[in-house]
């Protein structure tokens, strides 16, 4: 006699709810990833929330430590009043990026004083040619020392050199009298913000309904 497996008698919606709850329990039981070290440009939780934007800096009084920033769960963030859900998902997404060393502009600066990093153009010989790059140096160094190699600096991602030696990139503030070869980066609200896309026809959930209403309006049948 062959015994055939029977389908569950539970309603489909109840099955889905059990599956979701099981996933939540699984996620809550997993060990938390290690807390990454802060960087000179991002030394604390308040600066992190300011950089990633979407008005998350208003929650800085609730997320006061670096450890809590990288250890609070979505449920705990909701209890603290971080709403709506997409804001929590966005914060968790940026947390994971930061853990992987994926920063926005300025995140890799090593020489930062009171939230300001200085960058300048440096020429690097490569074979028979010279490549111009943007490096982060301590503030106030002499340009000659940089050109002679006496002062080393880390190449900054996200910034480029245009023309003879003008630094270009987001949120750059050129230093007067340098012709654009020296600039500063300051922590500002939303420097790393990834803006939400514009919903077309109400987004995926409402698109079918909205399109049908538009078609009905064009036919003159919508009351």
N, C-alpha and C. Protein backbone atom coordinates (compact mmCIF):
# COMPACT_ATOMS: atom_id res chain seq x y z
N UNK A 1 0.85 -1.19 0.00
CA UNK A 1 0.00 0.00 0.00
C UNK A 1 0.88 1.24 0.00
N UNK A 2 0.57 2.16 -0.89
CA UNK A 2 1.35 3.39 -1.02
C UNK A 2 0.64 4.49 -0.26
N UNK A 3 1.34 5.09 0.65
CA UNK A 3 0.77 6.20 1.41
C UNK A 3 1.21 7.49 0.77
N UNK A 4 0.27 8.26 0.27
CA UNK A 4 0.60 9.52 -0.39
C UNK A 4 0.60 10.65 0.65
N UNK A 5 1.55 11.53 0.45
CA UNK A 5 1.61 12.68 1.35
C UNK A 5 0.45 13.59 1.05
N UNK A 6 -0.20 14.03 2.08
CA UNK A 6 -1.34 14.93 1.91
C UNK A 6 -0.90 16.35 2.18
N UNK A 7 -1.56 17.26 1.52
CA UNK A 7 -1.22 18.66 1.71
C UNK A 7 -1.71 19.12 3.07
N UNK A 8 -1.09 20.16 3.56
CA UNK A 8 -1.46 20.67 4.88
C UNK A 8 -2.89 21.19 4.86
N UNK A 9 -3.58 20.93 5.95
CA UNK A 9 -4.95 21.41 6.08
C UNK A 9 -5.00 22.88 6.49
N UNK A 10 -3.84 23.45 6.88
CA UNK A 10 -3.83 24.83 7.31
C UNK A 10 -4.04 25.76 6.13
N UNK A 11 -4.73 26.87 6.32
CA UNK A 11 -4.88 27.84 5.23
C UNK A 11 -3.53 28.35 4.78
N UNK A 12 -3.46 28.76 3.51
CA UNK A 12 -2.18 29.20 2.94
C UNK A 12 -1.63 30.40 3.70
N UNK A 13 -2.51 31.33 4.07
CA UNK A 13 -2.04 32.52 4.78
C UNK A 13 -1.44 32.16 6.13
N UNK A 14 -2.02 31.14 6.79
CA UNK A 14 -1.49 30.71 8.08
C UNK A 14 -0.14 30.04 7.91
N UNK A 15 -0.01 29.25 6.82
CA UNK A 15 1.29 28.63 6.55
C UNK A 15 2.36 29.68 6.34
N UNK A 16 2.03 30.72 5.57
CA UNK A 16 2.99 31.78 5.30
C UNK A 16 3.39 32.50 6.58
N UNK A 17 2.40 32.72 7.46
CA UNK A 17 2.72 33.40 8.72
C UNK A 17 3.66 32.56 9.57
N UNK A 18 3.45 31.24 9.56
CA UNK A 18 4.34 30.35 10.31
C UNK A 18 5.74 30.37 9.71
N UNK A 19 5.84 30.43 8.37
CA UNK A 19 7.15 30.48 7.73
C UNK A 19 7.88 31.77 8.08
N UNK A 20 7.14 32.88 8.04
CA UNK A 20 7.78 34.16 8.38
C UNK A 20 8.25 34.17 9.83
N UNK A 21 7.40 33.64 10.72
CA UNK A 21 7.78 33.59 12.12
C UNK A 21 9.00 32.71 12.33
N UNK A 22 9.06 31.61 11.56
CA UNK A 22 10.23 30.73 11.65
C UNK A 22 11.50 31.44 11.21
N UNK A 23 11.40 32.25 10.14
CA UNK A 23 12.56 33.00 9.68
C UNK A 23 12.99 34.02 10.72
N UNK A 24 12.00 34.68 11.35
CA UNK A 24 12.35 35.66 12.40
C UNK A 24 13.08 34.99 13.55
N UNK A 25 12.56 33.82 13.95
CA UNK A 25 13.21 33.10 15.05
C UNK A 25 14.62 32.67 14.67
N UNK A 26 14.80 32.26 13.40
CA UNK A 26 16.13 31.86 12.94
C UNK A 26 17.08 33.04 12.97
N UNK A 27 16.63 34.20 12.48
CA UNK A 27 17.49 35.38 12.45
C UNK A 27 17.85 35.82 13.87
N UNK A 28 16.88 35.75 14.78
CA UNK A 28 17.15 36.18 16.15
C UNK A 28 18.11 35.25 16.87
N UNK A 29 18.18 33.98 16.43
CA UNK A 29 19.06 33.02 17.09
C UNK A 29 20.48 33.05 16.54
N UNK A 30 20.67 33.69 15.38
CA UNK A 30 22.00 33.76 14.79
C UNK A 30 22.89 34.71 15.59
N UNK A 31 24.17 34.40 15.73
CA UNK A 31 25.05 35.31 16.45
C UNK A 31 25.22 36.62 15.69
N UNK A 32 25.34 37.72 16.44
CA UNK A 32 25.49 39.03 15.82
C UNK A 32 26.88 39.15 15.19
N UNK A 33 26.97 39.78 14.02
CA UNK A 33 28.29 40.03 13.43
C UNK A 33 29.09 40.95 14.35
N UNK A 34 30.40 40.91 14.26
CA UNK A 34 31.21 41.76 15.13
C UNK A 34 30.98 43.24 14.85
N UNK A 35 31.12 44.05 15.89
CA UNK A 35 30.97 45.49 15.74
C UNK A 35 32.23 46.05 15.09
N UNK A 36 32.11 46.74 13.96
CA UNK A 36 33.31 47.28 13.30
C UNK A 36 33.90 48.45 14.09
N UNK A 37 35.13 48.75 13.83
CA UNK A 37 35.78 49.89 14.46
C UNK A 37 35.33 51.19 13.79
N UNK A 38 35.11 52.24 14.58
CA UNK A 38 34.82 53.53 13.95
C UNK A 38 36.02 54.03 13.17
N UNK A 39 35.80 54.96 12.28
CA UNK A 39 36.88 55.52 11.47
C UNK A 39 37.07 56.98 11.86
N UNK A 40 38.20 57.58 11.49
CA UNK A 40 38.40 59.00 11.82
C UNK A 40 37.29 59.92 11.31
N UNK A 41 36.72 59.59 10.14
CA UNK A 41 35.65 60.43 9.58
C UNK A 41 34.29 60.08 10.20
N UNK A 42 34.15 58.84 10.68
CA UNK A 42 32.89 58.39 11.31
C UNK A 42 33.22 57.87 12.70
N UNK A 43 33.42 58.77 13.66
CA UNK A 43 33.88 58.34 14.99
C UNK A 43 32.79 57.89 15.95
N UNK A 44 31.52 58.20 15.63
CA UNK A 44 30.45 57.87 16.58
C UNK A 44 29.13 57.62 15.86
N UNK A 45 28.13 57.17 16.63
CA UNK A 45 26.83 56.82 16.06
C UNK A 45 26.12 58.04 15.47
N UNK A 46 26.23 59.17 16.14
CA UNK A 46 25.57 60.38 15.67
C UNK A 46 26.07 60.78 14.28
N UNK A 47 27.38 60.70 14.07
CA UNK A 47 27.96 61.05 12.76
C UNK A 47 27.49 60.07 11.70
N UNK A 48 27.43 58.79 12.03
CA UNK A 48 26.97 57.77 11.09
C UNK A 48 25.54 58.07 10.64
N UNK A 49 24.66 58.35 11.59
CA UNK A 49 23.26 58.63 11.26
C UNK A 49 23.13 59.91 10.43
N UNK A 50 23.99 60.88 10.72
CA UNK A 50 23.97 62.12 9.95
C UNK A 50 24.39 61.87 8.50
N UNK A 51 25.42 61.08 8.31
CA UNK A 51 25.95 60.84 6.97
C UNK A 51 24.96 60.09 6.09
N UNK A 52 24.29 59.06 6.63
CA UNK A 52 23.45 58.23 5.77
C UNK A 52 22.12 58.90 5.44
N UNK A 53 21.78 59.98 6.11
CA UNK A 53 20.63 60.77 5.71
C UNK A 53 19.27 60.16 6.02
N UNK A 54 18.28 60.55 5.21
CA UNK A 54 16.87 60.14 5.37
C UNK A 54 16.34 60.50 6.76
N UNK A 55 16.86 61.60 7.31
CA UNK A 55 16.42 62.14 8.60
C UNK A 55 16.64 61.17 9.77
N UNK A 56 17.54 60.22 9.60
CA UNK A 56 17.81 59.28 10.69
C UNK A 56 18.60 59.94 11.82
N UNK A 57 19.19 61.10 11.56
CA UNK A 57 19.94 61.79 12.62
C UNK A 57 19.02 62.23 13.76
N UNK A 58 17.70 62.32 13.50
CA UNK A 58 16.78 62.71 14.56
C UNK A 58 16.66 61.62 15.63
N UNK A 59 17.16 60.42 15.33
CA UNK A 59 17.13 59.32 16.29
C UNK A 59 18.45 59.18 17.05
N UNK A 60 19.34 60.15 16.90
CA UNK A 60 20.66 60.06 17.54
C UNK A 60 20.55 60.01 19.06
N UNK A 61 19.51 60.63 19.62
CA UNK A 61 19.35 60.61 21.08
C UNK A 61 18.90 59.24 21.58
N UNK A 62 18.40 58.38 20.67
CA UNK A 62 17.95 57.04 21.06
C UNK A 62 19.05 55.99 20.83
N UNK A 63 19.91 56.26 19.86
CA UNK A 63 21.01 55.34 19.55
C UNK A 63 22.30 56.08 19.90
N UNK A 64 22.70 55.96 21.14
CA UNK A 64 23.73 56.84 21.67
C UNK A 64 25.15 56.29 21.59
N UNK A 65 25.31 54.98 21.44
CA UNK A 65 26.65 54.40 21.44
C UNK A 65 26.93 53.67 20.13
N UNK A 66 28.19 53.52 19.84
CA UNK A 66 28.61 52.81 18.63
C UNK A 66 28.20 51.35 18.70
N UNK A 67 28.30 50.76 19.88
CA UNK A 67 27.94 49.35 20.05
C UNK A 67 26.45 49.13 19.81
N UNK A 68 25.61 50.01 20.34
CA UNK A 68 24.17 49.87 20.13
C UNK A 68 23.79 50.09 18.68
N UNK A 69 24.49 50.99 18.01
CA UNK A 69 24.21 51.24 16.60
C UNK A 69 24.36 49.98 15.77
N UNK A 70 25.35 49.14 16.10
CA UNK A 70 25.62 47.96 15.30
C UNK A 70 25.12 46.66 15.93
N UNK A 71 24.36 46.77 17.00
CA UNK A 71 23.86 45.55 17.64
C UNK A 71 22.34 45.52 17.79
N UNK A 72 21.68 46.67 17.72
CA UNK A 72 20.22 46.70 17.86
C UNK A 72 19.55 45.98 16.68
N UNK A 73 18.56 45.16 17.01
CA UNK A 73 17.80 44.47 15.97
C UNK A 73 16.73 45.38 15.41
N UNK A 74 16.09 44.93 14.33
CA UNK A 74 15.00 45.71 13.74
C UNK A 74 13.87 45.88 14.74
N UNK A 75 13.57 44.83 15.50
CA UNK A 75 12.51 44.91 16.50
C UNK A 75 12.85 45.92 17.58
N UNK A 76 14.11 45.94 18.01
CA UNK A 76 14.54 46.88 19.04
C UNK A 76 14.52 48.31 18.50
N UNK A 77 14.90 48.48 17.24
CA UNK A 77 14.85 49.81 16.63
C UNK A 77 13.41 50.31 16.55
N UNK A 78 12.50 49.41 16.24
CA UNK A 78 11.09 49.80 16.19
C UNK A 78 10.60 50.21 17.57
N UNK A 79 11.03 49.49 18.60
CA UNK A 79 10.63 49.84 19.97
C UNK A 79 11.16 51.22 20.37
N UNK A 80 12.30 51.59 19.79
CA UNK A 80 12.87 52.91 20.08
C UNK A 80 12.19 54.02 19.30
N UNK A 81 11.33 53.65 18.36
CA UNK A 81 10.61 54.66 17.59
C UNK A 81 11.19 54.97 16.24
N UNK A 82 12.10 54.11 15.74
CA UNK A 82 12.65 54.32 14.39
C UNK A 82 11.62 53.84 13.39
N UNK A 83 10.89 54.75 12.81
CA UNK A 83 9.83 54.46 11.86
C UNK A 83 9.99 55.35 10.63
N UNK A 84 9.44 54.91 9.46
CA UNK A 84 8.74 53.64 9.19
C UNK A 84 9.71 52.48 9.01
N UNK A 85 9.15 51.33 8.61
CA UNK A 85 9.96 50.13 8.47
C UNK A 85 11.07 50.31 7.44
N UNK A 86 10.79 51.07 6.38
CA UNK A 86 11.82 51.24 5.35
C UNK A 86 13.04 52.00 5.90
N UNK A 87 12.82 52.85 6.91
CA UNK A 87 13.95 53.54 7.54
C UNK A 87 14.82 52.56 8.31
N UNK A 88 14.19 51.60 8.98
CA UNK A 88 14.96 50.57 9.70
C UNK A 88 15.73 49.70 8.72
N UNK A 89 15.07 49.31 7.62
CA UNK A 89 15.77 48.49 6.62
C UNK A 89 16.95 49.25 6.02
N UNK A 90 16.76 50.52 5.78
CA UNK A 90 17.83 51.35 5.22
C UNK A 90 19.01 51.45 6.19
N UNK A 91 18.72 51.63 7.48
CA UNK A 91 19.77 51.70 8.50
C UNK A 91 20.52 50.38 8.59
N UNK A 92 19.81 49.26 8.60
CA UNK A 92 20.45 47.95 8.66
C UNK A 92 21.29 47.69 7.42
N UNK A 93 20.81 48.15 6.27
CA UNK A 93 21.56 47.99 5.02
C UNK A 93 22.88 48.74 5.08
N UNK A 94 22.85 49.98 5.60
CA UNK A 94 24.08 50.76 5.69
C UNK A 94 25.02 50.17 6.75
N UNK A 95 24.45 49.60 7.81
CA UNK A 95 25.29 48.93 8.81
C UNK A 95 26.10 47.82 8.18
N UNK A 96 25.44 46.99 7.36
CA UNK A 96 26.14 45.88 6.72
C UNK A 96 27.21 46.38 5.77
N UNK A 97 26.92 47.45 5.03
CA UNK A 97 27.92 48.02 4.11
C UNK A 97 29.13 48.50 4.89
N UNK A 98 28.89 49.18 6.01
CA UNK A 98 30.00 49.71 6.79
C UNK A 98 30.85 48.58 7.35
N UNK A 99 30.21 47.49 7.77
CA UNK A 99 30.96 46.33 8.26
C UNK A 99 31.91 45.80 7.18
N UNK A 100 31.47 45.86 5.93
CA UNK A 100 32.28 45.35 4.82
C UNK A 100 33.31 46.36 4.33
N UNK A 101 33.36 47.51 4.98
CA UNK A 101 34.31 48.54 4.57
C UNK A 101 33.87 49.30 3.34
N UNK A 102 32.56 49.31 3.08
CA UNK A 102 32.02 50.04 1.93
C UNK A 102 31.45 51.37 2.44
N UNK A 103 32.22 52.43 2.23
CA UNK A 103 31.85 53.74 2.75
C UNK A 103 31.40 54.67 1.62
N UNK A 104 30.78 55.78 2.05
CA UNK A 104 30.54 56.87 1.12
C UNK A 104 31.77 57.74 1.03
N UNK A 105 31.67 58.86 0.33
CA UNK A 105 32.81 59.75 0.14
C UNK A 105 33.32 60.21 1.50
N UNK A 106 34.63 60.14 1.68
CA UNK A 106 35.26 60.57 2.93
C UNK A 106 35.40 59.48 3.97
N UNK A 107 34.72 58.37 3.78
CA UNK A 107 34.75 57.32 4.79
C UNK A 107 36.11 56.70 5.00
N UNK A 108 36.98 56.78 3.98
CA UNK A 108 38.30 56.18 4.09
C UNK A 108 39.40 57.18 4.48
N UNK A 109 39.00 58.41 4.85
CA UNK A 109 40.00 59.39 5.28
C UNK A 109 40.64 58.96 6.59
N UNK A 110 41.95 59.13 6.67
CA UNK A 110 42.69 58.77 7.88
C UNK A 110 43.10 60.00 8.69
N UNK A 111 43.30 61.12 8.02
CA UNK A 111 43.69 62.36 8.69
C UNK A 111 42.48 63.29 8.76
N UNK A 112 41.83 63.29 9.91
CA UNK A 112 40.62 64.09 10.11
C UNK A 112 40.74 64.84 11.43
N UNK A 113 40.44 66.14 11.39
CA UNK A 113 40.49 66.97 12.58
C UNK A 113 39.14 67.66 12.73
N UNK A 114 38.44 67.36 13.82
CA UNK A 114 37.14 67.96 14.12
C UNK A 114 36.17 67.81 12.95
N UNK A 115 36.13 66.61 12.39
CA UNK A 115 35.18 66.31 11.31
C UNK A 115 35.56 66.84 9.95
N UNK A 116 36.78 67.33 9.79
CA UNK A 116 37.23 67.89 8.52
C UNK A 116 38.48 67.16 8.05
N UNK A 117 38.45 66.70 6.80
CA UNK A 117 39.62 66.06 6.21
C UNK A 117 40.13 66.88 5.04
N UNK A 118 41.43 67.04 4.95
CA UNK A 118 42.03 67.80 3.86
C UNK A 118 42.56 66.86 2.79
N UNK A 119 42.30 67.19 1.55
CA UNK A 119 42.76 66.37 0.42
C UNK A 119 43.48 67.27 -0.57
N UNK A 120 44.42 66.66 -1.31
CA UNK A 120 45.17 67.43 -2.29
C UNK A 120 45.65 66.54 -3.41
N UNK A 121 46.06 67.16 -4.49
CA UNK A 121 46.52 66.43 -5.68
C UNK A 121 47.96 65.99 -5.47
N UNK A 122 48.23 64.74 -5.86
CA UNK A 122 49.58 64.21 -5.79
C UNK A 122 49.90 63.50 -7.10
N UNK A 123 51.11 63.67 -7.58
CA UNK A 123 51.55 63.03 -8.82
C UNK A 123 52.32 61.75 -8.50
N UNK A 124 51.89 60.67 -9.12
CA UNK A 124 52.53 59.38 -8.90
C UNK A 124 53.12 58.90 -10.23
N UNK A 125 54.45 58.70 -10.30
CA UNK A 125 55.05 58.20 -11.55
C UNK A 125 54.69 56.75 -11.80
N UNK A 126 54.20 56.48 -12.99
CA UNK A 126 53.88 55.11 -13.41
C UNK A 126 54.55 54.87 -14.76
N UNK A 127 55.68 54.20 -14.72
CA UNK A 127 56.43 53.96 -15.95
C UNK A 127 56.93 55.27 -16.55
N UNK A 128 56.51 55.53 -17.81
CA UNK A 128 56.94 56.73 -18.51
C UNK A 128 55.99 57.90 -18.32
N UNK A 129 54.95 57.72 -17.55
CA UNK A 129 53.98 58.80 -17.38
C UNK A 129 53.74 59.07 -15.90
N UNK A 130 52.98 60.14 -15.65
CA UNK A 130 52.66 60.54 -14.28
C UNK A 130 51.14 60.56 -14.12
N UNK A 131 50.68 59.91 -13.08
CA UNK A 131 49.25 59.88 -12.80
C UNK A 131 48.95 60.78 -11.61
N UNK A 132 47.91 61.59 -11.76
CA UNK A 132 47.50 62.50 -10.70
C UNK A 132 46.35 61.87 -9.91
N UNK A 133 46.52 61.82 -8.60
CA UNK A 133 45.50 61.23 -7.72
C UNK A 133 45.20 62.20 -6.60
N UNK A 134 44.13 61.92 -5.87
CA UNK A 134 43.75 62.73 -4.72
C UNK A 134 44.10 61.95 -3.45
N UNK A 135 44.89 62.58 -2.57
CA UNK A 135 45.31 61.92 -1.34
C UNK A 135 44.87 62.74 -0.13
N UNK A 136 44.73 62.06 0.97
CA UNK A 136 44.37 62.69 2.24
C UNK A 136 45.63 62.90 3.06
N UNK A 137 45.91 64.15 3.41
CA UNK A 137 47.11 64.48 4.17
C UNK A 137 46.74 65.24 5.44
N UNK A 138 47.64 65.29 6.41
CA UNK A 138 47.37 66.12 7.59
C UNK A 138 47.18 67.57 7.17
N UNK A 139 46.34 68.33 7.86
CA UNK A 139 46.09 69.72 7.47
C UNK A 139 47.35 70.58 7.61
N UNK A 140 47.50 71.49 6.65
CA UNK A 140 48.57 72.47 6.74
C UNK A 140 49.93 72.02 6.24
N UNK A 141 50.03 70.85 5.61
CA UNK A 141 51.34 70.41 5.10
C UNK A 141 51.71 71.23 3.87
N UNK A 142 52.98 71.33 3.61
CA UNK A 142 53.46 72.06 2.45
C UNK A 142 53.30 71.22 1.19
N UNK A 143 52.89 71.89 0.12
CA UNK A 143 52.68 71.18 -1.15
C UNK A 143 53.99 70.56 -1.64
N UNK A 144 55.10 71.25 -1.41
CA UNK A 144 56.40 70.74 -1.85
C UNK A 144 56.71 69.41 -1.17
N UNK A 145 56.35 69.29 0.12
CA UNK A 145 56.62 68.05 0.84
C UNK A 145 55.81 66.89 0.27
N UNK A 146 54.60 67.19 -0.21
CA UNK A 146 53.78 66.16 -0.82
C UNK A 146 54.36 65.75 -2.16
N UNK A 147 54.77 66.73 -2.97
CA UNK A 147 55.33 66.43 -4.28
C UNK A 147 56.66 65.68 -4.18
N UNK A 148 57.45 66.02 -3.16
CA UNK A 148 58.75 65.37 -2.98
C UNK A 148 58.63 64.00 -2.31
N UNK A 149 57.43 63.65 -1.85
CA UNK A 149 57.25 62.36 -1.21
C UNK A 149 57.58 62.34 0.26
N UNK A 150 57.86 63.53 0.84
CA UNK A 150 58.18 63.58 2.27
C UNK A 150 56.94 63.31 3.13
N UNK A 151 55.78 63.70 2.58
CA UNK A 151 54.50 63.46 3.27
C UNK A 151 53.69 62.50 2.41
N UNK A 152 53.40 61.35 2.96
CA UNK A 152 52.62 60.37 2.23
C UNK A 152 51.15 60.57 2.56
N UNK A 153 50.31 60.07 1.70
CA UNK A 153 48.88 60.20 1.93
C UNK A 153 48.13 59.08 1.24
N UNK A 154 47.04 58.67 1.84
CA UNK A 154 46.24 57.59 1.26
C UNK A 154 45.36 58.12 0.15
N UNK A 155 45.31 57.39 -0.96
CA UNK A 155 44.45 57.78 -2.08
C UNK A 155 42.99 57.69 -1.64
N UNK A 156 42.23 58.75 -1.94
CA UNK A 156 40.84 58.84 -1.51
C UNK A 156 39.92 58.36 -2.63
N UNK A 157 39.03 57.44 -2.29
CA UNK A 157 38.07 56.93 -3.28
C UNK A 157 36.96 57.95 -3.51
N UNK A 158 36.46 57.99 -4.73
CA UNK A 158 35.33 58.85 -5.06
C UNK A 158 35.69 60.25 -5.48
N UNK A 159 36.98 60.61 -5.44
CA UNK A 159 37.43 61.92 -5.87
C UNK A 159 38.39 61.78 -7.05
N UNK A 160 38.33 62.73 -7.98
CA UNK A 160 39.15 62.67 -9.17
C UNK A 160 39.84 64.01 -9.40
N UNK A 161 40.82 63.98 -10.31
CA UNK A 161 41.53 65.19 -10.70
C UNK A 161 41.13 65.54 -12.13
N UNK A 162 40.67 66.77 -12.31
CA UNK A 162 40.26 67.22 -13.64
C UNK A 162 41.24 68.28 -14.13
N UNK A 163 41.57 68.18 -15.41
CA UNK A 163 42.46 69.16 -16.02
C UNK A 163 43.85 69.13 -15.43
N UNK A 164 44.42 70.33 -15.22
CA UNK A 164 45.80 70.43 -14.75
C UNK A 164 45.95 70.00 -13.30
N UNK A 165 44.89 70.08 -12.52
CA UNK A 165 45.03 69.70 -11.12
C UNK A 165 43.90 70.20 -10.23
N UNK A 166 42.66 70.05 -10.70
CA UNK A 166 41.50 70.48 -9.92
C UNK A 166 40.78 69.27 -9.36
N UNK A 167 40.60 69.24 -8.06
CA UNK A 167 39.90 68.13 -7.42
C UNK A 167 38.40 68.28 -7.65
N UNK A 168 37.76 67.21 -8.11
CA UNK A 168 36.32 67.22 -8.33
C UNK A 168 35.69 66.02 -7.61
N UNK A 169 34.47 66.22 -7.16
CA UNK A 169 33.75 65.17 -6.45
C UNK A 169 32.66 65.76 -5.59
N UNK A 170 31.81 64.93 -5.07
CA UNK A 170 30.69 65.39 -4.26
C UNK A 170 31.17 65.98 -2.94
N UNK A 171 30.55 67.11 -2.54
CA UNK A 171 30.76 67.76 -1.25
C UNK A 171 32.17 68.31 -1.06
N UNK A 172 32.88 68.51 -2.14
CA UNK A 172 34.23 69.09 -2.06
C UNK A 172 34.14 70.60 -1.82
N UNK A 173 34.99 71.10 -0.92
CA UNK A 173 35.09 72.53 -0.65
C UNK A 173 36.53 72.98 -0.95
N UNK A 174 36.76 73.56 -2.14
CA UNK A 174 38.12 73.98 -2.50
C UNK A 174 38.68 75.02 -1.52
N UNK A 175 39.96 74.90 -1.24
CA UNK A 175 40.64 75.87 -0.39
C UNK A 175 41.06 77.06 -1.25
N UNK A 176 40.72 78.26 -0.79
CA UNK A 176 41.02 79.46 -1.56
C UNK A 176 42.52 79.62 -1.78
N UNK A 177 42.84 80.08 -2.98
CA UNK A 177 44.23 80.35 -3.31
C UNK A 177 45.03 79.15 -3.76
N UNK A 178 44.38 77.98 -3.91
CA UNK A 178 45.10 76.77 -4.32
C UNK A 178 44.75 76.34 -5.74
N UNK A 179 43.84 77.07 -6.37
CA UNK A 179 43.46 76.69 -7.73
C UNK A 179 42.71 75.37 -7.80
N UNK A 180 42.15 74.95 -6.69
CA UNK A 180 41.39 73.71 -6.69
C UNK A 180 42.22 72.47 -6.44
N UNK A 181 43.54 72.64 -6.20
CA UNK A 181 44.40 71.47 -5.97
C UNK A 181 44.37 71.00 -4.52
N UNK A 182 43.79 71.82 -3.64
CA UNK A 182 43.61 71.44 -2.24
C UNK A 182 42.15 71.71 -1.88
N UNK A 183 41.55 70.77 -1.17
CA UNK A 183 40.14 70.91 -0.80
C UNK A 183 39.89 70.26 0.55
N UNK A 184 38.69 70.47 1.05
CA UNK A 184 38.31 69.89 2.34
C UNK A 184 37.00 69.13 2.20
N UNK A 185 36.86 68.11 3.03
CA UNK A 185 35.63 67.35 3.15
C UNK A 185 35.15 67.47 4.59
N UNK A 186 33.90 67.92 4.75
CA UNK A 186 33.31 68.05 6.08
C UNK A 186 32.09 67.15 6.19
N UNK A 187 31.86 66.64 7.39
CA UNK A 187 30.67 65.83 7.64
C UNK A 187 29.43 66.71 7.47
N UNK A 188 28.51 66.25 6.62
CA UNK A 188 27.27 66.98 6.37
C UNK A 188 26.10 66.01 6.34
N UNK A 189 24.95 66.53 6.62
CA UNK A 189 23.73 65.74 6.60
C UNK A 189 23.49 65.15 5.22
N UNK A 190 23.33 63.83 5.17
CA UNK A 190 22.97 63.17 3.93
C UNK A 190 24.09 62.99 2.92
N UNK A 191 25.34 63.09 3.33
CA UNK A 191 26.46 62.92 2.39
C UNK A 191 26.44 61.54 1.73
N UNK A 192 26.01 60.53 2.47
CA UNK A 192 26.00 59.16 1.94
C UNK A 192 24.60 58.70 1.57
N UNK A 193 23.65 59.60 1.58
CA UNK A 193 22.26 59.18 1.40
C UNK A 193 22.01 58.58 0.02
N UNK A 194 21.33 57.45 0.02
CA UNK A 194 20.85 56.82 -1.21
C UNK A 194 19.36 57.14 -1.28
N UNK A 195 19.01 58.00 -2.19
CA UNK A 195 17.63 58.50 -2.24
C UNK A 195 16.69 57.43 -2.78
N UNK A 196 15.48 57.46 -2.25
CA UNK A 196 14.46 56.52 -2.70
C UNK A 196 14.03 56.87 -4.11
N UNK A 197 13.72 55.81 -4.90
CA UNK A 197 13.23 56.02 -6.25
C UNK A 197 11.82 56.57 -6.26
N UNK A 198 11.47 57.24 -7.33
CA UNK A 198 10.13 57.79 -7.47
C UNK A 198 9.16 56.70 -7.91
N UNK A 199 8.06 56.55 -7.17
CA UNK A 199 7.08 55.53 -7.52
C UNK A 199 6.32 55.93 -8.79
N UNK A 200 6.25 54.99 -9.73
CA UNK A 200 5.51 55.22 -10.96
C UNK A 200 4.20 54.46 -10.88
N UNK A 201 3.11 55.17 -11.07
CA UNK A 201 1.78 54.58 -11.00
C UNK A 201 1.54 53.85 -9.68
N UNK A 202 1.98 54.47 -8.59
CA UNK A 202 1.69 53.92 -7.27
C UNK A 202 2.61 52.82 -6.82
N UNK A 203 3.64 52.50 -7.58
CA UNK A 203 4.54 51.42 -7.19
C UNK A 203 4.00 50.06 -7.61
N UNK A 204 4.78 49.02 -7.28
CA UNK A 204 4.43 47.67 -7.74
C UNK A 204 3.10 47.18 -7.18
N UNK A 205 2.82 47.50 -5.92
CA UNK A 205 1.62 46.97 -5.29
C UNK A 205 0.34 47.56 -5.87
N UNK A 206 0.38 48.83 -6.25
CA UNK A 206 -0.84 49.51 -6.69
C UNK A 206 -0.88 49.78 -8.18
N UNK A 207 0.18 49.35 -8.92
CA UNK A 207 0.28 49.73 -10.33
C UNK A 207 -0.91 49.24 -11.15
N UNK A 208 -1.31 47.98 -10.96
CA UNK A 208 -2.41 47.42 -11.76
C UNK A 208 -3.69 48.20 -11.54
N UNK A 209 -3.99 48.50 -10.28
CA UNK A 209 -5.20 49.24 -9.96
C UNK A 209 -5.16 50.66 -10.51
N UNK A 210 -4.01 51.31 -10.37
CA UNK A 210 -3.88 52.69 -10.84
C UNK A 210 -3.99 52.76 -12.36
N UNK A 211 -3.35 51.81 -13.06
CA UNK A 211 -3.42 51.80 -14.52
C UNK A 211 -4.84 51.57 -15.01
N UNK A 212 -5.57 50.70 -14.30
CA UNK A 212 -6.96 50.45 -14.72
C UNK A 212 -7.81 51.69 -14.52
N UNK A 213 -7.55 52.44 -13.45
CA UNK A 213 -8.29 53.68 -13.21
C UNK A 213 -7.94 54.74 -14.24
N UNK A 214 -6.69 54.79 -14.62
CA UNK A 214 -6.29 55.74 -15.66
C UNK A 214 -6.98 55.42 -16.98
N UNK A 215 -6.99 54.11 -17.33
CA UNK A 215 -7.65 53.70 -18.57
C UNK A 215 -9.15 54.00 -18.53
N UNK A 216 -9.78 53.77 -17.37
CA UNK A 216 -11.21 54.05 -17.24
C UNK A 216 -11.48 55.54 -17.34
N UNK A 217 -10.58 56.35 -16.78
CA UNK A 217 -10.76 57.80 -16.87
C UNK A 217 -10.65 58.27 -18.31
N UNK A 218 -9.71 57.68 -19.05
CA UNK A 218 -9.56 58.05 -20.46
C UNK A 218 -10.77 57.66 -21.29
N UNK A 219 -11.41 56.54 -20.90
CA UNK A 219 -12.62 56.11 -21.61
C UNK A 219 -13.85 56.87 -21.13
N UNK A 220 -13.69 57.60 -20.05
CA UNK A 220 -14.80 58.38 -19.52
C UNK A 220 -15.79 57.55 -18.75
N UNK A 221 -15.35 56.37 -18.26
CA UNK A 221 -16.28 55.48 -17.55
C UNK A 221 -16.05 55.50 -16.05
N UNK A 222 -15.05 56.22 -15.59
CA UNK A 222 -14.76 56.24 -14.15
C UNK A 222 -15.70 57.24 -13.48
N UNK A 223 -16.39 56.78 -12.45
CA UNK A 223 -17.32 57.66 -11.73
C UNK A 223 -16.58 58.43 -10.67
